[in-house]
Amino acid sequence: MFAKLLLQNVSEQNISKQDLPDLLIPMPLHPKRLKERGFNQSLEIAKIMSKQLNIELDYAACTRTKYTQPQASLPLKQRANNIKGAFQCARPLTGLRIALIDDVMTTGASLNALAKAVKAKGASHVECWVIARTLLD
């Protein structure tokens, strides 16, 4: 259902095929968190997006190498520091337009940290596609 909603939003943007990203990267989970949860919700959404939009999906391009406290459990001011240096990208992304897929964005600290890692590997453009955005007080 979440992927369908995101697909609907993308189609409403009237993005031409040539302006779509070259690659989808779901928000990686640390292996320990993946084991606890049993699945990566962002990957499940990205799989459907990839198929429907005919965009390459690479769930192994970037990894979460630092185990962190869940961002939602931290005060806003601590989130950027908590996630700093948590992601690494092994694949060269030179010149690629990337869409990062995540379920919920609160402060954007996780997506920002992942975007920095993707840009460091040469991505020319990075977008963040999320299902929901929480409101901050």
Protein backbone atom coordinates (compact mmCIF):
# COMPACT_ATOMS: atom_id res chain seq x y z
CA MET A 1 0.00 0.00 0.00
CA PHE A 2 2.82 2.44 0.88
CA ALA A 3 4.57 1.84 -2.44
CA LYS A 4 1.32 2.43 -4.31
CA LEU A 5 0.87 5.76 -2.53
CA LEU A 6 4.43 6.79 -3.36
CA LEU A 7 3.96 5.71 -6.98
CA GLN A 8 0.81 7.79 -7.16
CA ASN A 9 2.71 10.80 -5.85
CA VAL A 10 5.51 10.32 -8.38
CA SER A 11 3.01 10.02 -11.24
CA GLU A 12 1.21 13.18 -10.09
CA GLN A 13 4.51 15.05 -10.36
CA ASN A 14 4.46 14.35 -14.13
CA ILE A 15 8.14 13.47 -14.09
CA SER A 16 9.32 12.54 -17.56
CA LYS A 17 11.07 9.22 -18.03
CA GLN A 18 14.39 10.95 -18.70
CA ASP A 19 14.09 12.91 -15.44
CA LEU A 20 13.54 9.84 -13.29
CA PRO A 21 16.48 8.69 -11.18
CA ASP A 22 18.96 6.17 -12.54
CA LEU A 23 19.05 4.19 -9.32
CA LEU A 24 16.94 3.56 -6.21
CA ILE A 25 18.70 2.98 -2.90
CA PRO A 26 16.58 2.02 0.11
CA MET A 27 17.56 3.27 3.57
CA PRO A 28 19.91 0.54 4.84
CA LEU A 29 19.43 -1.05 8.23
CA HIS A 30 22.33 -2.16 10.40
CA PRO A 31 22.58 -5.99 10.27
CA LYS A 32 21.68 -6.19 13.96
CA ARG A 33 18.53 -4.09 13.46
CA LEU A 34 17.63 -6.11 10.36
CA LYS A 35 17.91 -9.30 12.37
CA GLU A 36 15.69 -7.83 15.11
CA ARG A 37 13.05 -6.60 12.67
CA GLY A 38 13.23 -9.42 10.15
CA PHE A 39 12.84 -7.17 7.11
CA ASN A 40 13.77 -3.75 5.78
CA GLN A 41 10.57 -1.79 5.21
CA SER A 42 12.32 0.67 2.89
CA LEU A 43 13.62 -2.18 0.74
CA GLU A 44 10.12 -3.65 0.42
CA ILE A 45 8.81 -0.29 -0.80
CA ALA A 46 11.79 0.18 -3.15
CA LYS A 47 11.28 -3.25 -4.76
CA ILE A 48 7.81 -2.27 -5.94
CA MET A 49 8.94 1.21 -6.99
CA SER A 50 11.78 -0.30 -9.02
CA LYS A 51 9.50 -2.71 -10.84
CA GLN A 52 6.75 -0.21 -11.57
CA LEU A 53 9.04 2.60 -12.69
CA ASN A 54 11.63 0.36 -14.37
CA ILE A 55 14.46 1.90 -12.36
CA GLU A 56 17.43 -0.12 -11.15
CA LEU A 57 17.37 -1.01 -7.45
CA ASP A 58 20.59 -1.59 -5.54
CA TYR A 59 20.02 -2.51 -1.91
CA ALA A 60 23.70 -3.37 -1.43
CA ALA A 61 25.20 -0.15 -2.82
CA CYS A 62 25.27 1.41 0.64
CA THR A 63 25.40 -0.15 4.07
CA ARG A 64 24.79 1.00 7.58
CA THR A 65 28.07 0.22 9.31
CA LYS A 66 27.46 1.93 12.63
CA TYR A 67 24.84 0.55 15.01
CA THR A 68 22.94 3.48 16.45
CA GLN A 69 20.08 4.09 18.79
CA PRO A 70 16.79 4.43 16.89
CA GLN A 71 16.51 8.04 15.76
CA ALA A 72 12.91 8.29 16.99
CA SER A 73 14.07 7.62 20.55
CA LEU A 74 16.40 10.64 20.61
CA PRO A 75 15.85 14.36 21.12
CA LEU A 76 16.04 16.31 17.88
CA LYS A 77 19.40 17.90 18.70
CA GLN A 78 21.09 14.51 19.18
CA ARG A 79 19.90 12.87 15.96
CA ALA A 80 22.49 14.29 13.54
CA ASN A 81 25.35 13.32 15.85
CA ASN A 82 23.87 9.85 16.43
CA ILE A 83 23.81 9.04 12.73
CA LYS A 84 27.09 10.75 11.74
CA GLY A 85 29.36 8.33 9.87
CA ALA A 86 26.78 5.53 9.96
CA PHE A 87 26.72 4.86 6.20
CA GLN A 88 29.24 3.67 3.65
CA CYS A 89 28.79 3.16 -0.06
CA ALA A 90 30.99 0.63 -1.80
CA ARG A 91 29.68 1.08 -5.33
CA PRO A 92 30.92 3.98 -7.46
CA LEU A 93 27.92 6.22 -8.20
CA THR A 94 29.68 8.69 -10.47
CA GLY A 95 27.23 10.78 -12.49
CA LEU A 96 24.15 8.86 -11.36
CA ARG A 97 20.88 10.42 -10.28
CA ILE A 98 19.83 8.65 -7.10
CA ALA A 99 16.52 8.42 -5.23
CA LEU A 100 16.85 7.35 -1.62
CA ILE A 101 13.78 5.49 -0.38
CA ASP A 102 12.63 5.66 3.24
CA ASP A 103 9.35 5.15 5.04
CA VAL A 104 9.23 8.09 7.47
CA MET A 105 11.29 11.26 7.70
CA THR A 106 11.33 13.25 10.92
CA THR A 107 14.32 15.60 11.05
CA GLY A 108 15.96 14.22 7.91
CA ALA A 109 19.20 13.40 9.75
CA SER A 110 19.36 9.80 8.50
CA LEU A 111 18.53 10.71 4.92
CA ASN A 112 21.01 13.60 5.02
CA ALA A 113 23.78 11.31 6.27
CA LEU A 114 23.01 8.72 3.58
CA ALA A 115 22.83 11.43 0.90
CA LYS A 116 26.29 12.67 1.93
CA ALA A 117 27.68 9.13 1.58
CA VAL A 118 26.07 8.78 -1.85
CA LYS A 119 27.41 12.16 -3.00
CA ALA A 120 30.87 11.21 -1.75
CA LYS A 121 30.75 8.30 -4.20
CA GLY A 122 30.05 10.68 -7.09
CA ALA A 123 26.26 10.87 -7.44
CA SER A 124 25.32 13.93 -9.49
CA HIS A 125 21.84 14.33 -8.00
CA VAL A 126 20.15 12.90 -4.90
CA GLU A 127 16.44 12.94 -4.08
CA CYS A 128 14.72 11.56 -1.00
CA TRP A 129 11.44 9.76 -1.61
CA VAL A 130 9.55 9.11 1.61
CA ILE A 131 6.09 7.85 2.46
CA ALA A 132 5.47 10.14 5.40
CA ARG A 133 6.91 13.22 7.00
CA THR A 134 6.35 13.74 10.71
CA LEU A 135 5.50 17.19 11.96
CA LEU A 136 7.87 18.77 14.41
CA ASP A 137 6.74 20.98 17.24
